[in-house]
PDB file of all heavy atoms in Angstrom:
ATOM      1  N   ILE A   1    -138.857  23.948 209.571  1.00  0.00           N
ATOM      2  CA  ILE A   1    -137.760  24.700 210.201  1.00  0.00           C
ATOM      3  C   ILE A   1    -136.570  23.715 210.183  1.00  0.00           C
ATOM      4  O   ILE A   1    -136.514  22.680 210.939  1.00  0.00           O
ATOM      5  CB  ILE A   1    -138.055  25.180 211.625  1.00  0.00           C
ATOM      6  CG1 ILE A   1    -139.276  26.138 211.620  1.00  0.00           C
ATOM      7  CG2 ILE A   1    -136.822  25.835 212.219  1.00  0.00           C
ATOM      8  CD1 ILE A   1    -139.740  26.516 212.973  1.00  0.00           C
ATOM      9  N   PHE A   2    -135.581  23.945 209.376  1.00  0.00           N
ATOM     10  CA  PHE A   2    -134.444  23.013 209.135  1.00  0.00           C
ATOM     11  C   PHE A   2    -133.207  23.616 209.874  1.00  0.00           C
ATOM     12  O   PHE A   2    -132.828  24.753 209.620  1.00  0.00           O
ATOM     13  CB  PHE A   2    -134.142  22.841 207.694  1.00  0.00           C
ATOM     14  CG  PHE A   2    -135.249  22.210 206.914  1.00  0.00           C
ATOM     15  CD1 PHE A   2    -136.390  22.917 206.531  1.00  0.00           C
ATOM     16  CD2 PHE A   2    -135.156  20.839 206.525  1.00  0.00           C
ATOM     17  CE1 PHE A   2    -137.437  22.298 205.829  1.00  0.00           C
ATOM     18  CE2 PHE A   2    -136.192  20.256 205.847  1.00  0.00           C
ATOM     19  CZ  PHE A   2    -137.326  20.934 205.468  1.00  0.00           C
ATOM     20  N   ALA A   3    -132.618  22.801 210.707  1.00  0.00           N
ATOM     21  CA  ALA A   3    -131.411  23.271 211.409  1.00  0.00           C
ATOM     22  C   ALA A   3    -130.640  22.099 211.995  1.00  0.00           C
ATOM     23  O   ALA A   3    -131.172  21.000 212.218  1.00  0.00           O
ATOM     24  CB  ALA A   3    -131.794  24.233 212.565  1.00  0.00           C
ATOM     25  N   GLY A   4    -129.321  22.329 212.267  1.00  0.00           N
ATOM     26  CA  GLY A   4    -128.519  21.347 212.937  1.00  0.00           C
ATOM     27  C   GLY A   4    -128.844  21.440 214.456  1.00  0.00           C
ATOM     28  O   GLY A   4    -129.645  22.272 214.949  1.00  0.00           O
ATOM     29  N   SER A   5    -128.133  20.603 215.209  1.00  0.00           N
ATOM     30  CA  SER A   5    -128.362  20.584 216.669  1.00  0.00           C
ATOM     31  C   SER A   5    -127.790  21.842 217.329  1.00  0.00           C
ATOM     32  O   SER A   5    -126.643  22.280 216.967  1.00  0.00           O
ATOM     33  CB  SER A   5    -127.754  19.322 217.273  1.00  0.00           C
ATOM     34  OG  SER A   5    -126.347  19.275 216.963  1.00  0.00           O
ATOM     35  N   GLY A   6    -128.505  22.420 218.246  1.00  0.00           N
ATOM     36  CA  GLY A   6    -128.037  23.545 219.023  1.00  0.00           C
ATOM     37  C   GLY A   6    -127.989  24.868 218.335  1.00  0.00           C
ATOM     38  O   GLY A   6    -127.309  25.802 218.768  1.00  0.00           O
ATOM     39  N   VAL A   7    -128.697  24.978 217.207  1.00  0.00           N
ATOM     40  CA  VAL A   7    -128.668  26.259 216.430  1.00  0.00           C
ATOM     41  C   VAL A   7    -129.775  27.207 216.915  1.00  0.00           C
ATOM     42  O   VAL A   7    -129.651  28.428 216.764  1.00  0.00           O
ATOM     43  CB  VAL A   7    -128.794  25.963 214.898  1.00  0.00           C
ATOM     44  CG1 VAL A   7    -128.822  27.274 214.089  1.00  0.00           C
ATOM     45  CG2 VAL A   7    -127.681  25.116 214.427  1.00  0.00           C
ATOM     46  N   GLY A   8    -130.845  26.681 217.475  1.00  0.00           N
ATOM     47  CA  GLY A   8    -131.910  27.546 217.979  1.00  0.00           C
ATOM     48  C   GLY A   8    -133.284  27.251 217.539  1.00  0.00           C
ATOM     49  O   GLY A   8    -134.156  28.113 217.469  1.00  0.00           O
ATOM     50  N   LYS A   9    -133.552  25.947 217.213  1.00  0.00           N
ATOM     51  CA  LYS A   9    -134.886  25.603 216.789  1.00  0.00           C
ATOM     52  C   LYS A   9    -135.948  25.835 217.895  1.00  0.00           C
ATOM     53  O   LYS A   9    -137.007  26.375 217.700  1.00  0.00           O
ATOM     54  CB  LYS A   9    -134.957  24.111 216.394  1.00  0.00           C
ATOM     55  CG  LYS A   9    -134.133  23.763 215.156  1.00  0.00           C
ATOM     56  CD  LYS A   9    -134.452  22.335 214.683  1.00  0.00           C
ATOM     57  CE  LYS A   9    -134.101  21.304 215.735  1.00  0.00           C
ATOM     58  NZ  LYS A   9    -132.692  21.291 216.173  1.00  0.00           N
ATOM     59  N   SER A  10    -135.611  25.331 219.103  1.00  0.00           N
ATOM     60  CA  SER A  10    -136.575  25.442 220.227  1.00  0.00           C
ATOM     61  C   SER A  10    -136.864  26.908 220.549  1.00  0.00           C
ATOM     62  O   SER A  10    -138.040  27.258 220.880  1.00  0.00           O
ATOM     63  CB  SER A  10    -136.050  24.698 221.471  1.00  0.00           C
ATOM     64  OG  SER A  10    -135.905  23.326 221.183  1.00  0.00           O
ATOM     65  N   THR A  11    -135.822  27.742 220.514  1.00  0.00           N
ATOM     66  CA  THR A  11    -136.039  29.205 220.817  1.00  0.00           C
ATOM     67  C   THR A  11    -137.005  29.807 219.783  1.00  0.00           C
ATOM     68  O   THR A  11    -137.866  30.534 220.133  1.00  0.00           O
ATOM     69  CB  THR A  11    -134.689  29.910 220.811  1.00  0.00           C
ATOM     70  OG1 THR A  11    -133.776  29.262 221.731  1.00  0.00           O
ATOM     71  CG2 THR A  11    -134.851  31.366 221.203  1.00  0.00           C
ATOM     72  N   LEU A  12    -136.734  29.515 218.490  1.00  0.00           N
ATOM     73  CA  LEU A  12    -137.611  30.035 217.422  1.00  0.00           C
ATOM     74  C   LEU A  12    -138.999  29.502 217.601  1.00  0.00           C
ATOM     75  O   LEU A  12    -139.981  30.246 217.404  1.00  0.00           O
ATOM     76  CB  LEU A  12    -137.043  29.692 216.041  1.00  0.00           C
ATOM     77  CG  LEU A  12    -137.836  30.188 214.857  1.00  0.00           C
ATOM     78  CD1 LEU A  12    -137.951  31.718 214.879  1.00  0.00           C
ATOM     79  CD2 LEU A  12    -137.192  29.742 213.527  1.00  0.00           C
ATOM     80  N   MET A  13    -139.134  28.185 217.962  1.00  0.00           N
ATOM     81  CA  MET A  13    -140.484  27.662 218.196  1.00  0.00           C
ATOM     82  C   MET A  13    -141.234  28.404 219.229  1.00  0.00           C
ATOM     83  O   MET A  13    -142.388  28.786 219.116  1.00  0.00           O
ATOM     84  CB  MET A  13    -140.406  26.178 218.622  1.00  0.00           C
ATOM     85  CG  MET A  13    -140.145  25.198 217.513  1.00  0.00           C
ATOM     86  SD  MET A  13    -139.909  23.537 218.190  1.00  0.00           S
ATOM     87  CE  MET A  13    -141.485  23.241 219.025  1.00  0.00           C
ATOM     88  N   GLY A  14    -140.527  28.710 220.353  1.00  0.00           N
ATOM     89  CA  GLY A  14    -141.147  29.481 221.439  1.00  0.00           C
ATOM     90  C   GLY A  14    -141.566  30.895 221.007  1.00  0.00           C
ATOM     91  O   GLY A  14    -142.644  31.356 221.376  1.00  0.00           O
ATOM     92  N   MET A  15    -140.750  31.532 220.165  1.00  0.00           N
ATOM     93  CA  MET A  15    -141.048  32.881 219.660  1.00  0.00           C
ATOM     94  C   MET A  15    -142.332  32.833 218.827  1.00  0.00           C
ATOM     95  O   MET A  15    -143.200  33.661 218.920  1.00  0.00           O
ATOM     96  CB  MET A  15    -139.891  33.425 218.827  1.00  0.00           C
ATOM     97  CG  MET A  15    -138.655  33.757 219.678  1.00  0.00           C
ATOM     98  SD  MET A  15    -137.222  34.171 218.641  1.00  0.00           S
ATOM     99  CE  MET A  15    -137.731  35.794 217.990  1.00  0.00           C
ATOM    100  N   ILE A  16    -142.434  31.770 217.944  1.00  0.00           N
ATOM    101  CA  ILE A  16    -143.616  31.655 217.096  1.00  0.00           C
ATOM    102  C   ILE A  16    -144.879  31.352 217.891  1.00  0.00           C
ATOM    103  O   ILE A  16    -145.956  31.969 217.674  1.00  0.00           O
ATOM    104  CB  ILE A  16    -143.399  30.520 216.035  1.00  0.00           C
ATOM    105  CG1 ILE A  16    -142.291  30.943 215.089  1.00  0.00           C
ATOM    106  CG2 ILE A  16    -144.652  30.277 215.274  1.00  0.00           C
ATOM    107  CD1 ILE A  16    -141.808  29.869 214.094  1.00  0.00           C
ATOM    108  N   VAL A  17    -144.781  30.490 218.930  1.00  0.00           N
ATOM    109  CA  VAL A  17    -145.953  30.132 219.739  1.00  0.00           C
ATOM    110  C   VAL A  17    -146.411  31.352 220.491  1.00  0.00           C
ATOM    111  O   VAL A  17    -147.591  31.661 220.597  1.00  0.00           O
ATOM    112  CB  VAL A  17    -145.630  28.968 220.696  1.00  0.00           C
ATOM    113  CG1 VAL A  17    -146.761  28.730 221.666  1.00  0.00           C
ATOM    114  CG2 VAL A  17    -145.399  27.685 219.917  1.00  0.00           C
ATOM    115  N   ARG A  18    -145.456  32.154 221.080  1.00  0.00           N
ATOM    116  CA  ARG A  18    -145.799  33.337 221.864  1.00  0.00           C
ATOM    117  C   ARG A  18    -146.370  34.450 220.996  1.00  0.00           C
ATOM    118  O   ARG A  18    -147.301  35.143 221.372  1.00  0.00           O
ATOM    119  CB  ARG A  18    -144.581  33.866 222.646  1.00  0.00           C
ATOM    120  CG  ARG A  18    -144.313  33.082 223.901  1.00  0.00           C
ATOM    121  CD  ARG A  18    -143.373  33.918 224.795  1.00  0.00           C
ATOM    122  NE  ARG A  18    -142.261  34.508 224.096  1.00  0.00           N
ATOM    123  CZ  ARG A  18    -141.128  33.879 223.798  1.00  0.00           C
ATOM    124  NH1 ARG A  18    -140.927  32.655 224.294  1.00  0.00           N
ATOM    125  NH2 ARG A  18    -140.122  34.465 223.188  1.00  0.00           N
ATOM    126  N   GLY A  19    -145.725  34.631 219.811  1.00  0.00           N
ATOM    127  CA  GLY A  19    -146.118  35.738 218.991  1.00  0.00           C
ATOM    128  C   GLY A  19    -147.282  35.482 218.017  1.00  0.00           C
ATOM    129  O   GLY A  19    -147.825  36.429 217.402  1.00  0.00           O
ATOM    130  N   SER A  20    -147.649  34.282 217.875  1.00  0.00           N
ATOM    131  CA  SER A  20    -148.683  33.875 216.904  1.00  0.00           C
ATOM    132  C   SER A  20    -150.087  34.438 217.284  1.00  0.00           C
ATOM    133  O   SER A  20    -150.414  34.530 218.454  1.00  0.00           O
ATOM    134  CB  SER A  20    -148.794  32.357 216.811  1.00  0.00           C
ATOM    135  OG  SER A  20    -149.976  31.957 216.243  1.00  0.00           O
ATOM    136  N   GLU A  21    -150.826  34.788 216.249  1.00  0.00           N
ATOM    137  CA  GLU A  21    -152.213  35.319 216.460  1.00  0.00           C
ATOM    138  C   GLU A  21    -153.263  34.178 216.639  1.00  0.00           C
ATOM    139  O   GLU A  21    -154.400  34.455 216.897  1.00  0.00           O
ATOM    140  CB  GLU A  21    -152.597  36.198 215.273  1.00  0.00           C
ATOM    141  CG  GLU A  21    -152.588  35.459 213.971  1.00  0.00           C
ATOM    142  CD  GLU A  21    -153.042  36.254 212.790  1.00  0.00           C
ATOM    143  OE1 GLU A  21    -153.309  37.421 212.959  1.00  0.00           O
ATOM    144  OE2 GLU A  21    -153.182  35.720 211.711  1.00  0.00           O
ATOM    145  N   ALA A  22    -152.823  32.939 216.461  1.00  0.00           N
ATOM    146  CA  ALA A  22    -153.766  31.806 216.499  1.00  0.00           C
ATOM    147  C   ALA A  22    -154.395  31.670 217.863  1.00  0.00           C
ATOM    148  O   ALA A  22    -153.691  31.726 218.898  1.00  0.00           O
ATOM    149  CB  ALA A  22    -153.070  30.532 216.094  1.00  0.00           C
ATOM    150  N   PRO A  23    -155.719  31.502 217.955  1.00  0.00           N
ATOM    151  CA  PRO A  23    -156.402  31.352 219.258  1.00  0.00           C
ATOM    152  C   PRO A  23    -156.135  30.035 219.939  1.00  0.00           C
ATOM    153  O   PRO A  23    -156.235  29.881 221.146  1.00  0.00           O
ATOM    154  CB  PRO A  23    -157.856  31.528 218.916  1.00  0.00           C
ATOM    155  CG  PRO A  23    -157.954  31.123 217.481  1.00  0.00           C
ATOM    156  CD  PRO A  23    -156.690  31.508 216.793  1.00  0.00           C
ATOM    157  N   ILE A  24    -155.715  29.002 219.135  1.00  0.00           N
ATOM    158  CA  ILE A  24    -155.415  27.640 219.714  1.00  0.00           C
ATOM    159  C   ILE A  24    -154.028  27.257 219.229  1.00  0.00           C
ATOM    160  O   ILE A  24    -153.690  27.375 218.059  1.00  0.00           O
ATOM    161  CB  ILE A  24    -156.443  26.625 219.299  1.00  0.00           C
ATOM    162  CG1 ILE A  24    -157.853  27.051 219.687  1.00  0.00           C
ATOM    163  CG2 ILE A  24    -156.088  25.235 219.887  1.00  0.00           C
ATOM    164  CD1 ILE A  24    -158.130  27.027 221.171  1.00  0.00           C
ATOM    165  N   LYS A  25    -153.232  26.731 220.159  1.00  0.00           N
ATOM    166  CA  LYS A  25    -151.858  26.298 219.865  1.00  0.00           C
ATOM    167  C   LYS A  25    -151.664  24.821 220.338  1.00  0.00           C
ATOM    168  O   LYS A  25    -151.895  24.533 221.542  1.00  0.00           O
ATOM    169  CB  LYS A  25    -150.851  27.209 220.469  1.00  0.00           C
ATOM    170  CG  LYS A  25    -150.987  28.662 219.959  1.00  0.00           C
ATOM    171  CD  LYS A  25    -150.515  29.683 220.931  1.00  0.00           C
ATOM    172  CE  LYS A  25    -150.847  31.113 220.411  1.00  0.00           C
ATOM    173  NZ  LYS A  25    -150.462  32.117 221.392  1.00  0.00           N
ATOM    174  N   VAL A  26    -151.255  23.976 219.434  1.00  0.00           N
ATOM    175  CA  VAL A  26    -150.994  22.569 219.766  1.00  0.00           C
ATOM    176  C   VAL A  26    -149.470  22.299 219.499  1.00  0.00           C
ATOM    177  O   VAL A  26    -149.057  22.511 218.392  1.00  0.00           O
ATOM    178  CB  VAL A  26    -151.867  21.611 218.929  1.00  0.00           C
ATOM    179  CG1 VAL A  26    -151.552  20.170 219.258  1.00  0.00           C
ATOM    180  CG2 VAL A  26    -153.366  21.866 219.182  1.00  0.00           C
ATOM    181  N   VAL A  27    -148.773  21.865 220.532  1.00  0.00           N
ATOM    182  CA  VAL A  27    -147.338  21.621 220.421  1.00  0.00           C
ATOM    183  C   VAL A  27    -147.095  20.146 220.647  1.00  0.00           C
ATOM    184  O   VAL A  27    -147.478  19.591 221.674  1.00  0.00           O
ATOM    185  CB  VAL A  27    -146.536  22.483 221.450  1.00  0.00           C
ATOM    186  CG1 VAL A  27    -145.033  22.238 221.302  1.00  0.00           C
ATOM    187  CG2 VAL A  27    -146.852  23.990 221.244  1.00  0.00           C
ATOM    188  N   ALA A  28    -146.350  19.533 219.751  1.00  0.00           N
ATOM    189  CA  ALA A  28    -146.001  18.097 219.884  1.00  0.00           C
ATOM    190  C   ALA A  28    -144.478  18.024 220.058  1.00  0.00           C
ATOM    191  O   ALA A  28    -143.684  18.410 219.201  1.00  0.00           O
ATOM    192  CB  ALA A  28    -146.382  17.320 218.650  1.00  0.00           C
ATOM    193  N   LEU A  29    -144.049  17.556 221.257  1.00  0.00           N
ATOM    194  CA  LEU A  29    -142.599  17.322 221.516  1.00  0.00           C
ATOM    195  C   LEU A  29    -142.358  15.858 221.437  1.00  0.00           C
ATOM    196  O   LEU A  29    -142.619  15.089 222.321  1.00  0.00           O
ATOM    197  CB  LEU A  29    -142.249  17.884 222.914  1.00  0.00           C
ATOM    198  CG  LEU A  29    -142.556  19.399 223.103  1.00  0.00           C
ATOM    199  CD1 LEU A  29    -142.232  19.808 224.550  1.00  0.00           C
ATOM    200  CD2 LEU A  29    -141.768  20.260 222.120  1.00  0.00           C
ATOM    201  N   ILE A  30    -141.796  15.419 220.278  1.00  0.00           N
ATOM    202  CA  ILE A  30    -141.595  14.031 219.954  1.00  0.00           C
ATOM    203  C   ILE A  30    -140.154  13.593 219.963  1.00  0.00           C
ATOM    204  O   ILE A  30    -139.326  14.170 219.189  1.00  0.00           O
ATOM    205  CB  ILE A  30    -142.234  13.712 218.573  1.00  0.00           C
ATOM    206  CG1 ILE A  30    -143.673  14.205 218.478  1.00  0.00           C
ATOM    207  CG2 ILE A  30    -142.143  12.232 218.260  1.00  0.00           C
ATOM    208  CD1 ILE A  30    -144.628  13.621 219.464  1.00  0.00           C
ATOM    209  N   GLY A  31    -139.843  12.640 220.804  1.00  0.00           N
ATOM    210  CA  GLY A  31    -138.502  12.052 220.834  1.00  0.00           C
ATOM    211  C   GLY A  31    -137.389  12.929 221.390  1.00  0.00           C
ATOM    212  O   GLY A  31    -136.177  12.677 221.231  1.00  0.00           O
ATOM    213  N   GLU A  32    -137.769  14.045 222.095  1.00  0.00           N
ATOM    214  CA  GLU A  32    -136.796  14.960 222.627  1.00  0.00           C
ATOM    215  C   GLU A  32    -136.430  14.492 224.043  1.00  0.00           C
ATOM    216  O   GLU A  32    -137.025  13.627 224.613  1.00  0.00           O
ATOM    217  CB  GLU A  32    -137.377  16.392 222.705  1.00  0.00           C
ATOM    218  CG  GLU A  32    -137.736  16.973 221.300  1.00  0.00           C
ATOM    219  CD  GLU A  32    -136.532  17.003 220.345  1.00  0.00           C
ATOM    220  OE1 GLU A  32    -135.441  17.418 220.776  1.00  0.00           O
ATOM    221  OE2 GLU A  32    -136.689  16.639 219.171  1.00  0.00           O
ATOM    222  N   ARG A  33    -135.360  15.097 224.538  1.00  0.00           N
ATOM    223  CA  ARG A  33    -134.899  14.792 225.906  1.00  0.00           C
ATOM    224  C   ARG A  33    -135.904  15.229 226.905  1.00  0.00           C
ATOM    225  O   ARG A  33    -136.581  16.294 226.778  1.00  0.00           O
ATOM    226  CB  ARG A  33    -133.535  15.515 226.212  1.00  0.00           C
ATOM    227  CG  ARG A  33    -132.407  14.990 225.307  1.00  0.00           C
ATOM    228  CD  ARG A  33    -131.110  15.757 225.603  1.00  0.00           C
ATOM    229  NE  ARG A  33    -131.150  17.043 225.023  1.00  0.00           N
ATOM    230  CZ  ARG A  33    -130.791  17.383 223.787  1.00  0.00           C
ATOM    231  NH1 ARG A  33    -130.432  16.441 222.956  1.00  0.00           N
ATOM    232  NH2 ARG A  33    -130.873  18.658 223.369  1.00  0.00           N
ATOM    233  N   GLY A  34    -136.075  14.465 228.013  1.00  0.00           N
ATOM    234  CA  GLY A  34    -137.104  14.786 229.028  1.00  0.00           C
ATOM    235  C   GLY A  34    -136.839  16.137 229.652  1.00  0.00           C
ATOM    236  O   GLY A  34    -137.796  16.835 230.010  1.00  0.00           O
ATOM    237  N   ARG A  35    -135.543  16.525 229.786  1.00  0.00           N
ATOM    238  CA  ARG A  35    -135.243  17.839 230.396  1.00  0.00           C
ATOM    239  C   ARG A  35    -135.800  18.974 229.542  1.00  0.00           C
ATOM    240  O   ARG A  35    -136.055  20.061 230.116  1.00  0.00           O
ATOM    241  CB  ARG A  35    -133.732  17.891 230.514  1.00  0.00           C
ATOM    242  CG  ARG A  35    -133.066  19.115 230.476  1.00  0.00           C
ATOM    243  CD  ARG A  35    -131.608  19.087 230.515  1.00  0.00           C
ATOM    244  NE  ARG A  35    -130.978  18.955 229.224  1.00  0.00           N
ATOM    245  CZ  ARG A  35    -130.901  19.897 228.312  1.00  0.00           C
ATOM    246  NH1 ARG A  35    -131.376  21.123 228.537  1.00  0.00           N
ATOM    247  NH2 ARG A  35    -130.316  19.714 227.136  1.00  0.00           N
ATOM    248  N   GLU A  36    -135.923  18.784 228.261  1.00  0.00           N
ATOM    249  CA  GLU A  36    -136.312  19.868 227.379  1.00  0.00           C
ATOM    250  C   GLU A  36    -137.782  20.246 227.518  1.00  0.00           C
ATOM    251  O   GLU A  36    -138.200  21.334 227.176  1.00  0.00           O
ATOM    252  CB  GLU A  36    -136.045  19.524 225.913  1.00  0.00           C
ATOM    253  CG  GLU A  36    -134.587  19.444 225.562  1.00  0.00           C
ATOM    254  CD  GLU A  36    -134.293  19.123 224.135  1.00  0.00           C
ATOM    255  OE1 GLU A  36    -135.124  18.436 223.516  1.00  0.00           O
ATOM    256  OE2 GLU A  36    -133.274  19.604 223.576  1.00  0.00           O
TER     257      GLU A  36
END
């Protein structure tokens, strides 16, 4: 997922995690702001 800052990567990630049919979901938040 390629995008500049503030375009909506995190929102799309959330949509994919919520809507995915996968029984197990592993999310790695690397180097992001603590608030996020």
